[in-house]
Structure formats: C-alpha cells, structure tokens
Amino acid sequence: MSLFFEDAPSSSLSVEPDTEVTSDPPDNKAKQADLAGPGIGNYEDIEKILPRDYHPLLTPKETQKAIFHVKGYIEENLCKELNLMMVEVPLIVDAESGVNDMLDRDGSRTPIQFHISNDRGQHPIDAQVVQAATKWKRMALKQFECRTGEGICTDMRAVRKDYFLDHDHSAYVDQWDWERVITPEQRNLEFLKSVVRKIWKVLVGAEKFAQEKFPELRNPRYPSLPDELTFIHAEELLAMYPDLPRKRRETIILQKYPAIFIIGIGWPLKGGYPHEMRAADYDDWITDTSAETRRDTHGLNGDILVWNPVTERRHELSSMGIRVNAETLRRQLEMSKLLDNLRFPYHQAIINNEIPLSIGGGIGQSRTLMLLLRKAHLGEVSVTVWPKILKEMCAKKNIFVLE
C-alpha cells in the first residue's frame, strides 16, 4: 500500500504516551539532535518507557531455541526471495580501504580503530572494527562474480561504540547484511518497492513460523504483523506533521499504519533537515524521483519501521536502498563536503565503474528477534555489555537481560 496519491491522515490522530512525543514544537537544535537517533539519551526516560506489566512469553531456554529456528528461516527465505547466497563477512577492515560504514555524515559515530604493528613495525596495518558491511558487500559482489539479479547475504557482526545503550540500541550489532546486482534501468522507486515487499514477505512468514513452532507467542495482547507494508515518502510525512521532529512523526504514523517503509532518507526536506542523516557514499538519497511521485521528492532508499506492541514504541527493522552510481556518489560527496573521500579505493571503484550497480540493506537480527519473540529488550535475545543501572532497572521489571 502506498500513500503517495492518497489523502493524508488527520494530524489530530491520537498517540499513546511516549517520551518522544511532546506538546511543544521543537526548536532547530532539537530537530538537529533528532537526526542520527543514537538512542533515547538518559535512564530516567528509559525507566518510564520500559513496560510495567511485562511477562516474557518464552523462558530463556525456549528463547534460545526460538532464536536459532527463526534465524534459519529468515536466512533461507531471504536468500530464496532475493536470489542471494550466504558468504563470510569481515569483522575488521583496513582503515585505508574506505569500506567501513560511517553510518551518517556528521561525524558523530566513529569506528573503533587500532594499530597492528606486524613484523616489528615493518608492514603495519591500521585496522577498524566494522560498524556495518554496507560498502564491503558491494565490493564483494565483484569478488564473488555475481551477475545481474544475483547477490550475497551475510551474518554480520559489528560494534558501534557511540550509541546510548537503551532497550533497542546496543554497542553490539548483528544484521543480515545483503547486496544484489541490478541494472541501470532498475534504479527507480518501483523496483525498490518490489524488493522491499519481498523482504516484508519473509518477515511476516518468519512471524507465522515462530508462532507455529512456539504457540505461546500467539497472544491477543500482541497483534501480528500486517500482510502488507504501507509506503510513504519522508517529504509526504513531513507535510502531514510539519512542526514535529522525525521520531514523533514516525510514532504518530505508526499508530495508524503499524508497518511502514519511509522512502527518501538523507535529502534535506522542505523543513530544512533530512528525515535522518545518511552517509554520502552508499545509499542514493539525491536522485530526483518527482516524475514517479508527482511531488518534489528525492531518494532511492528507505527504512522499514513497525509498531512494537510490547514496548508500545516505534521499532526500526531495516535500512536499505539502491546504491550510488558514479554521478550520484560525486554529487552526494560534494553536497556533504566530503569530496576528499574520492581518494579511497572503494570510492574510486564506483567512479570508474569497476564494481556493479546494486541494491542492498541491513536487517537487524536482534531487533527482528526482539519483535517476533515478543521481548521488551534487546538484551533478552543477544549477549553484550549493558550498564549496571540498566540491568538493575530491567530486573525490577521482570526483564531478564542475558549475561
């Protein structure tokens, strides 16, 4: 379902209590702070938003069994729907390669970097822990000789040290990072939406699969995912709620449409700010799509978001998009004042058309499992580090974080 040619929902739509929802229009500083979305920001707010009457539907042992059943289902069916093959993925990369994911373009989230002296300092390497495999995957398409319509999928692990650790942000990141070769003619919104629908089909199927394996997950308190996503452009969403920051716009629209794909993330909207920051060198957020939408729109990328009935909050599952080509890479780097990045091998490979055109994205594994297994916290489905204050807070609310 697309909202491009439908009437906008009423701005008087009711909203459940949420710390992201305030009555006063935000100032410019607040709008800027909302762009990267690195977490809620303080534990007083987390105390308020964690569920008060939470009771896990599965025991810790059952949860572990469910995790591996559901992961297997998603990997198998994602590869089947998108014609992908599973491949190995790096945890660390050479800093000089330019393939690490900077996540955004404001410099607020930087990778962990370390020096490998190697051979008594004669052949050293400066390495970085990956934040995502976004750029590496596109290079890998050439390495694995993928043809048009073929692609790869990875069981990716990463570290993002600059997140605030809350109920759905962790320093440890696990994703199904995937990438697929496309033609120049497929660089359009309709093709993007066709791929998104296939991914959504897999996620809906995974929920049904989980409930068949573990009937306890069928609970009237927690509605199942809708069979279809609603597509909406970030520009359109801003037009509905022009005085609200990004997260509140998402929160409100998810009350009406519980599963959405927001298109066009990274291009500055009419309000002066992008819906959210995007790095300049992987997703294409600059391409004019007004001929397809009949609006002043840009961007060939987007995010899948759902309403989480356990946390009663917005819940992001996937970020994806058609990737930059030589022209749009240069324009986005110029717009972001990052033209110096053209020195990196990854960027040169795009400029010189040495690697395939592609579409790709990341699907958060722990985020998806948290949703499908009806969990209140990422720590119930993944093992990582959490501050003592958060673990104690969760224990009081019957949320058992894995150690």
Protein backbone atom coordinates (compact mmCIF):
# COMPACT_ATOMS: atom_id res chain seq x y z
CA MET A 1 0.00 0.00 0.00
CA SER A 2 1.29 3.47 -0.90
CA LEU A 3 0.19 6.84 0.43
CA PHE A 4 1.65 8.80 -2.46
CA PHE A 5 -1.72 9.53 -4.05
CA GLU A 6 -3.99 9.19 -1.04
CA ASP A 7 -5.32 11.82 1.32
CA ALA A 8 -3.03 12.44 4.26
CA PRO A 9 -4.27 11.17 7.62
CA SER A 10 -5.61 13.75 10.02
CA SER A 11 -2.99 15.50 12.15
CA SER A 12 -5.30 15.06 15.14
CA LEU A 13 -4.52 11.33 15.20
CA SER A 14 -4.35 10.13 18.82
CA VAL A 15 -1.00 9.00 20.20
CA GLU A 16 -0.15 6.70 23.07
CA PRO A 17 2.12 8.11 25.80
CA ASP A 18 5.71 8.18 24.55
CA THR A 19 8.76 10.08 25.67
CA GLU A 20 9.39 11.11 22.06
CA VAL A 21 6.03 12.90 21.95
CA THR A 22 5.88 16.41 23.39
CA SER A 23 3.27 19.11 23.13
CA ASP A 24 5.60 21.94 22.13
CA PRO A 25 7.04 22.28 18.63
CA PRO A 26 10.81 21.60 18.73
CA ASP A 27 13.41 24.26 18.06
CA ASN A 28 16.11 23.85 15.41
CA LYS A 29 18.58 22.43 17.94
CA ALA A 30 16.09 19.70 18.89
CA LYS A 31 15.47 18.89 15.23
CA GLN A 32 19.19 18.55 14.60
CA ALA A 33 19.61 16.30 17.64
CA ASP A 34 16.87 14.04 16.29
CA LEU A 35 18.64 13.27 13.01
CA ALA A 36 21.03 10.46 13.92
CA GLY A 37 18.91 8.68 16.51
CA PRO A 38 21.70 7.12 18.62
CA GLY A 39 19.36 6.16 21.49
CA ILE A 40 16.94 7.69 23.99
CA GLY A 41 19.59 9.59 25.91
CA ASN A 42 19.05 9.13 29.66
CA TYR A 43 17.99 6.39 32.04
CA GLU A 44 15.25 8.41 33.69
CA ASP A 45 13.36 8.30 30.41
CA ILE A 46 14.12 4.61 29.92
CA GLU A 47 12.66 3.89 33.36
CA LYS A 48 9.40 5.46 32.14
CA ILE A 49 9.17 3.71 28.79
CA LEU A 50 10.08 0.13 29.77
CA PRO A 51 6.87 -1.97 30.09
CA ARG A 52 5.34 -2.01 33.58
CA ASP A 53 3.47 -5.31 33.37
CA TYR A 54 5.86 -7.37 31.26
CA HIS A 55 5.80 -11.16 31.36
CA PRO A 56 8.01 -13.00 28.83
CA LEU A 57 6.09 -15.49 26.70
CA LEU A 58 9.11 -17.80 26.41
CA THR A 59 11.60 -18.96 29.03
CA PRO A 60 15.31 -18.19 28.46
CA LYS A 61 15.86 -21.76 27.24
CA GLU A 62 12.86 -21.62 24.89
CA THR A 63 14.04 -18.22 23.68
CA GLN A 64 17.41 -19.62 22.64
CA LYS A 65 15.76 -22.42 20.70
CA ALA A 66 13.41 -19.94 19.02
CA ILE A 67 16.27 -17.61 18.08
CA PHE A 68 18.05 -20.25 16.02
CA HIS A 69 14.86 -21.60 14.42
CA VAL A 70 13.80 -18.12 13.32
CA LYS A 71 17.28 -17.09 12.19
CA GLY A 72 17.46 -20.18 10.00
CA TYR A 73 14.05 -19.45 8.49
CA ILE A 74 14.91 -15.84 7.68
CA GLU A 75 18.30 -16.62 6.15
CA GLU A 76 16.93 -19.42 3.99
CA ASN A 77 13.93 -17.46 2.74
CA LEU A 78 15.74 -14.16 2.29
CA CYS A 79 18.22 -15.94 0.03
CA LYS A 80 15.36 -17.64 -1.82
CA GLU A 81 13.30 -14.46 -2.36
CA LEU A 82 16.20 -12.24 -3.44
CA ASN A 83 18.42 -14.88 -5.10
CA LEU A 84 21.26 -14.48 -2.62
CA MET A 85 23.98 -16.78 -1.33
CA MET A 86 25.41 -16.72 2.19
CA VAL A 87 29.05 -15.53 2.36
CA GLU A 88 31.63 -14.79 5.03
CA VAL A 89 31.93 -11.15 6.13
CA PRO A 90 34.80 -9.26 7.81
CA LEU A 91 34.80 -8.09 11.42
CA ILE A 92 37.78 -5.79 10.81
CA VAL A 93 38.85 -3.87 7.70
CA ASP A 94 41.86 -1.82 6.62
CA ALA A 95 41.24 1.83 7.51
CA GLU A 96 42.76 2.89 4.17
CA SER A 97 40.23 0.87 2.16
CA GLY A 98 37.37 3.30 2.79
CA VAL A 99 34.90 0.41 3.09
CA ASN A 100 33.88 0.94 6.72
CA ASP A 101 30.40 2.31 7.28
CA MET A 102 30.36 5.81 8.80
CA LEU A 103 26.56 5.49 9.38
CA ASP A 104 25.89 9.19 8.83
CA ARG A 105 27.78 12.23 7.58
CA ASP A 106 28.05 14.43 10.67
CA GLY A 107 31.00 12.59 12.22
CA SER A 108 29.10 11.70 15.40
CA ARG A 109 29.65 7.94 15.21
CA THR A 110 33.17 6.75 14.54
CA PRO A 111 34.58 3.21 14.34
CA ILE A 112 36.97 1.58 16.78
CA GLN A 113 40.45 1.78 15.25
CA PHE A 114 43.65 0.02 16.28
CA HIS A 115 47.20 -0.36 15.04
CA ILE A 116 48.69 -3.74 14.08
CA SER A 117 52.47 -3.27 14.24
CA ASN A 118 53.09 -6.53 12.30
CA ASP A 119 56.59 -7.72 11.51
CA ARG A 120 58.18 -5.41 14.14
CA GLY A 121 56.58 -2.39 12.52
CA GLN A 122 57.90 -3.02 9.03
CA HIS A 123 54.50 -3.80 7.46
CA PRO A 124 51.89 -2.30 9.78
CA ILE A 125 48.14 -2.08 9.26
CA ASP A 126 45.70 0.41 10.76
CA ALA A 127 42.52 -1.60 11.18
CA GLN A 128 38.94 -0.69 12.07
CA VAL A 129 36.15 -2.77 13.56
CA VAL A 130 33.25 -2.60 11.10
CA GLN A 131 30.15 -0.60 12.00
CA ALA A 132 28.29 -2.30 9.14
CA ALA A 133 29.27 -4.16 5.99
CA THR A 134 27.43 -1.77 3.66
CA LYS A 135 30.32 -0.85 1.39
CA TRP A 136 32.25 -4.09 1.71
CA LYS A 137 29.27 -6.00 0.28
CA ARG A 138 29.31 -4.03 -2.94
CA MET A 139 32.99 -4.76 -3.44
CA ALA A 140 32.26 -8.41 -2.62
CA LEU A 141 29.72 -8.65 -5.46
CA LYS A 142 32.65 -8.33 -7.86
CA GLN A 143 34.86 -10.67 -5.79
CA PHE A 144 32.22 -13.41 -5.96
CA GLU A 145 31.42 -12.69 -9.63
CA CYS A 146 27.72 -12.07 -9.02
CA ARG A 147 25.69 -11.41 -12.14
CA THR A 148 22.60 -9.23 -12.57
CA GLY A 149 19.85 -10.50 -10.28
CA GLU A 150 22.32 -12.37 -8.05
CA GLY A 151 23.60 -11.29 -4.68
CA ILE A 152 25.05 -12.10 -1.29
CA CYS A 153 23.80 -12.26 2.29
CA THR A 154 25.94 -12.10 5.42
CA ASP A 155 25.58 -12.93 9.10
CA MET A 156 27.25 -9.65 10.05
CA ARG A 157 28.63 -8.65 13.46
CA ALA A 158 29.74 -5.10 14.24
CA VAL A 159 30.49 -2.65 17.05
CA ARG A 160 29.01 0.83 17.31
CA LYS A 161 30.59 2.43 20.35
CA ASP A 162 28.77 5.77 20.14
CA TYR A 163 25.24 4.53 20.76
CA PHE A 164 23.49 5.31 24.03
CA LEU A 165 22.59 1.88 25.41
CA ASP A 166 18.85 1.59 25.89
CA HIS A 167 16.17 -1.03 25.22
CA ASP A 168 16.80 -1.27 21.47
CA HIS A 169 20.26 0.24 20.92
CA SER A 170 23.36 -1.80 21.67
CA ALA A 171 27.10 -1.38 21.14
CA TYR A 172 26.98 -4.86 19.60
CA VAL A 173 25.19 -5.02 16.26
CA ASP A 174 24.09 -8.12 14.35
CA GLN A 175 22.49 -7.85 10.92
CA TRP A 176 21.60 -9.78 7.84
CA ASP A 177 23.56 -7.51 5.52
CA TRP A 178 22.66 -8.27 1.90
CA GLU A 179 23.50 -6.87 -1.55
CA ARG A 180 22.27 -7.67 -5.06
CA VAL A 181 23.42 -6.66 -8.56
CA ILE A 182 20.99 -4.52 -10.56
CA THR A 183 20.82 -2.86 -13.99
CA PRO A 184 20.79 0.92 -14.65
CA GLU A 185 17.10 0.61 -15.60
CA GLN A 186 16.27 -0.79 -12.14
CA ARG A 187 17.41 2.36 -10.37
CA ASN A 188 13.86 3.55 -9.68
CA LEU A 189 11.27 3.61 -6.91
CA GLU A 190 9.10 0.83 -8.26
CA PHE A 191 11.99 -1.62 -8.26
CA LEU A 192 12.97 -0.51 -4.75
CA LYS A 193 9.43 -1.16 -3.53
CA SER A 194 9.30 -4.57 -5.23
CA VAL A 195 12.39 -5.66 -3.28
CA VAL A 196 11.03 -4.23 -0.02
CA ARG A 197 7.83 -6.27 -0.50
CA LYS A 198 9.87 -9.46 -0.85
CA ILE A 199 11.74 -8.72 2.38
CA TRP A 200 8.48 -7.97 4.16
CA LYS A 201 7.04 -11.29 2.92
CA VAL A 202 9.97 -13.06 4.62
CA LEU A 203 9.50 -11.21 7.91
CA VAL A 204 5.74 -11.89 8.00
CA GLY A 205 6.45 -15.53 7.19
CA ALA A 206 9.03 -15.67 9.98
CA GLU A 207 6.46 -14.47 12.50
CA LYS A 208 3.98 -17.17 11.42
CA PHE A 209 6.77 -19.76 11.51
CA ALA A 210 7.76 -18.72 15.05
CA GLN A 211 4.17 -18.95 16.27
CA GLU A 212 3.74 -22.40 14.76
CA LYS A 213 6.91 -23.62 16.48
CA PHE A 214 6.13 -21.85 19.75
CA PRO A 215 2.34 -21.41 20.17
CA GLU A 216 2.90 -19.40 23.35
CA LEU A 217 3.81 -16.48 21.08
CA ARG A 218 0.19 -16.25 19.93
CA ASN A 219 -1.09 -13.70 22.42
CA PRO A 220 -4.09 -11.39 21.95
CA ARG A 221 -2.15 -8.54 23.57
CA TYR A 222 0.28 -8.52 20.66
CA PRO A 223 -1.24 -8.25 17.16
CA SER A 224 0.52 -9.98 14.28
CA LEU A 225 2.29 -8.05 11.54
CA PRO A 226 0.08 -6.88 8.66
CA ASP A 227 0.48 -8.77 5.39
CA GLU A 228 1.34 -5.55 3.55
CA LEU A 229 3.58 -2.59 4.27
CA THR A 230 2.45 1.00 3.77
CA PHE A 231 4.85 3.06 1.64
CA ILE A 232 5.23 6.76 2.41
CA HIS A 233 7.81 9.34 1.37
CA ALA A 234 9.67 11.31 4.04
CA GLU A 235 8.59 14.54 2.30
CA GLU A 236 4.97 13.45 2.48
CA LEU A 237 5.28 12.57 6.16
CA LEU A 238 6.77 16.00 6.88
CA ALA A 239 3.86 17.64 5.04
CA MET A 240 1.44 15.82 7.35
CA TYR A 241 3.20 16.93 10.54
CA PRO A 242 5.41 19.93 9.63
CA ASP A 243 6.05 21.07 13.21
CA LEU A 244 7.11 17.71 14.61
CA PRO A 245 10.58 16.10 14.78
CA ARG A 246 11.33 12.90 12.94
CA LYS A 247 10.73 10.39 15.73
CA ARG A 248 7.41 11.89 16.65
CA ARG A 249 6.28 11.86 13.02
CA GLU A 250 7.18 8.17 12.86
CA THR A 251 5.46 7.45 16.16
CA ILE A 252 2.23 9.08 15.05
CA ILE A 253 2.04 7.48 11.60
CA LEU A 254 2.73 4.04 13.09
CA GLN A 255 -0.37 4.42 15.25
CA LYS A 256 -2.39 4.42 12.02
CA TYR A 257 -0.26 2.13 9.82
CA PRO A 258 1.64 -0.36 12.04
CA ALA A 259 4.20 -1.29 9.36
CA ILE A 260 5.67 1.32 7.04
CA PHE A 261 8.52 1.90 4.62
CA ILE A 262 9.68 5.52 4.67
CA ILE A 263 11.29 6.48 1.35
CA GLY A 264 13.84 9.22 0.74
CA ILE A 265 16.10 9.43 3.80
CA GLY A 266 19.10 11.73 3.62
CA TRP A 267 17.94 14.50 1.27
CA PRO A 268 17.10 17.82 3.02
CA LEU A 269 13.31 18.10 3.14
CA LYS A 270 11.25 21.26 2.84
CA GLY A 271 11.67 21.83 6.57
CA GLY A 272 15.41 22.29 6.04
CA TYR A 273 16.58 18.98 7.53
CA PRO A 274 16.75 15.42 6.19
CA HIS A 275 14.40 12.88 7.75
CA GLU A 276 17.56 11.29 9.14
CA MET A 277 21.25 11.51 8.33
CA ARG A 278 22.67 9.04 5.82
CA ALA A 279 26.26 8.52 4.77
CA ALA A 280 27.09 10.09 1.42
CA ASP A 281 28.69 7.06 -0.18
CA TYR A 282 26.30 4.11 -0.18
CA ASP A 283 22.53 4.83 -0.39
CA ASP A 284 21.38 7.11 -3.19
CA TRP A 285 19.40 9.89 -1.47
CA ILE A 286 19.93 12.60 -4.07
CA THR A 287 18.18 11.26 -7.20
CA ASP A 288 15.09 13.25 -8.21
CA THR A 289 12.02 10.98 -8.08
CA SER A 290 9.35 13.63 -8.73
CA ALA A 291 8.38 12.03 -12.07
CA GLU A 292 7.34 8.88 -10.17
CA THR A 293 5.70 10.50 -7.14
CA ARG A 294 4.29 13.67 -8.74
CA ARG A 295 5.76 15.53 -5.77
CA ASP A 296 9.07 17.29 -5.14
CA THR A 297 10.85 14.15 -3.87
CA HIS A 298 14.36 12.73 -3.85
CA GLY A 299 15.99 9.46 -2.86
CA LEU A 300 16.04 5.76 -3.73
CA ASN A 301 16.36 4.42 -0.20
CA GLY A 302 14.33 3.95 2.97
CA ASP A 303 13.64 2.26 6.30
CA ILE A 304 11.21 -0.43 7.44
CA LEU A 305 9.58 0.56 10.73
CA VAL A 306 6.85 -1.17 12.72
CA TRP A 307 4.82 -0.51 15.84
CA ASN A 308 6.14 -2.74 18.62
CA PRO A 309 3.14 -3.87 20.73
CA VAL A 310 5.37 -4.94 23.64
CA THR A 311 7.30 -1.69 24.08
CA GLU A 312 4.49 0.41 22.55
CA ARG A 313 7.06 2.34 20.54
CA ARG A 314 8.38 2.80 17.02
CA HIS A 315 10.72 -0.06 16.08
CA GLU A 316 13.15 0.06 13.16
CA LEU A 317 13.89 -3.27 11.47
CA SER A 318 15.80 -2.44 8.30
CA SER A 319 17.64 0.30 6.45
CA MET A 320 18.23 -0.22 2.75
CA GLY A 321 18.41 1.37 -0.67
CA ILE A 322 19.57 1.49 -4.24
CA ARG A 323 23.25 2.39 -4.09
CA VAL A 324 25.02 5.41 -5.55
CA ASN A 325 26.42 5.32 -9.06
CA ALA A 326 29.41 7.36 -10.24
CA GLU A 327 27.33 10.51 -10.78
CA THR A 328 25.30 10.46 -7.57
CA LEU A 329 28.31 9.50 -5.43
CA ARG A 330 30.19 12.58 -6.58
CA ARG A 331 27.14 14.83 -6.06
CA GLN A 332 26.44 13.47 -2.57
CA LEU A 333 30.08 13.80 -1.50
CA GLU A 334 30.16 17.35 -2.82
CA MET A 335 26.92 18.23 -1.02
CA SER A 336 28.32 16.72 2.19
CA LYS A 337 31.71 18.46 1.78
CA LEU A 338 33.42 15.07 1.67
CA LEU A 339 34.98 15.06 -1.80
CA ASP A 340 38.32 14.13 -0.23
CA ASN A 341 36.87 10.61 0.24
CA LEU A 342 37.28 10.06 -3.50
CA ARG A 343 40.88 9.05 -2.74
CA PHE A 344 39.72 5.75 -1.20
CA PRO A 345 39.79 2.56 -3.30
CA TYR A 346 36.07 1.92 -2.67
CA HIS A 347 35.07 5.33 -3.99
CA GLN A 348 37.41 5.07 -6.95
CA ALA A 349 35.87 1.71 -7.86
CA ILE A 350 32.44 3.37 -8.11
CA ILE A 351 33.69 6.43 -10.01
CA ASN A 352 35.47 4.20 -12.53
CA ASN A 353 32.53 1.75 -12.83
CA GLU A 354 34.68 -1.14 -11.60
CA ILE A 355 32.06 -2.63 -9.28
CA PRO A 356 28.43 -3.45 -10.06
CA LEU A 357 25.41 -1.24 -9.59
CA SER A 358 23.49 -2.67 -6.67
CA ILE A 359 20.69 -2.53 -4.15
CA GLY A 360 21.27 -3.61 -0.57
CA GLY A 361 20.49 -3.21 3.08
CA GLY A 362 20.73 -4.47 6.59
CA ILE A 363 18.03 -6.23 8.62
CA GLY A 364 18.67 -6.04 12.34
CA GLN A 365 18.79 -9.58 13.71
CA SER A 366 18.31 -8.79 17.40
CA ARG A 367 15.75 -6.09 16.56
CA THR A 368 13.76 -8.58 14.45
CA LEU A 369 14.01 -11.37 17.05
CA MET A 370 13.02 -8.95 19.82
CA LEU A 371 9.87 -8.13 17.86
CA LEU A 372 8.91 -11.64 16.73
CA LEU A 373 9.60 -13.27 20.11
CA ARG A 374 7.70 -10.51 21.97
CA LYS A 375 10.64 -9.26 24.01
CA ALA A 376 10.95 -5.92 25.80
CA HIS A 377 14.72 -5.54 25.47
CA LEU A 378 17.49 -6.41 23.01
CA GLY A 379 19.41 -8.00 25.87
CA GLU A 380 16.88 -10.82 26.02
CA VAL A 381 17.97 -12.10 22.58
CA SER A 382 21.64 -11.01 22.34
CA VAL A 383 24.62 -11.13 24.69
CA THR A 384 26.57 -7.89 25.02
CA VAL A 385 27.50 -5.24 27.59
CA TRP A 386 24.94 -3.14 29.44
CA PRO A 387 25.47 -0.66 32.27
CA LYS A 388 24.63 -1.80 35.80
CA ILE A 389 21.86 0.81 36.11
CA LEU A 390 20.04 -0.60 33.08
CA LYS A 391 20.40 -4.25 34.15
CA GLU A 392 19.02 -3.45 37.61
CA MET A 393 16.17 -1.46 36.10
CA CYS A 394 15.27 -4.35 33.80
CA ALA A 395 15.40 -6.93 36.61
CA LYS A 396 12.83 -4.93 38.60
CA LYS A 397 10.53 -5.01 35.57
CA ASN A 398 10.83 -8.78 35.01
CA ILE A 399 13.12 -8.30 32.03
CA PHE A 400 15.98 -10.79 32.20
CA VAL A 401 18.99 -9.49 30.29
CA LEU A 402 21.44 -12.17 29.12
CA GLU A 403 24.93 -12.06 30.69
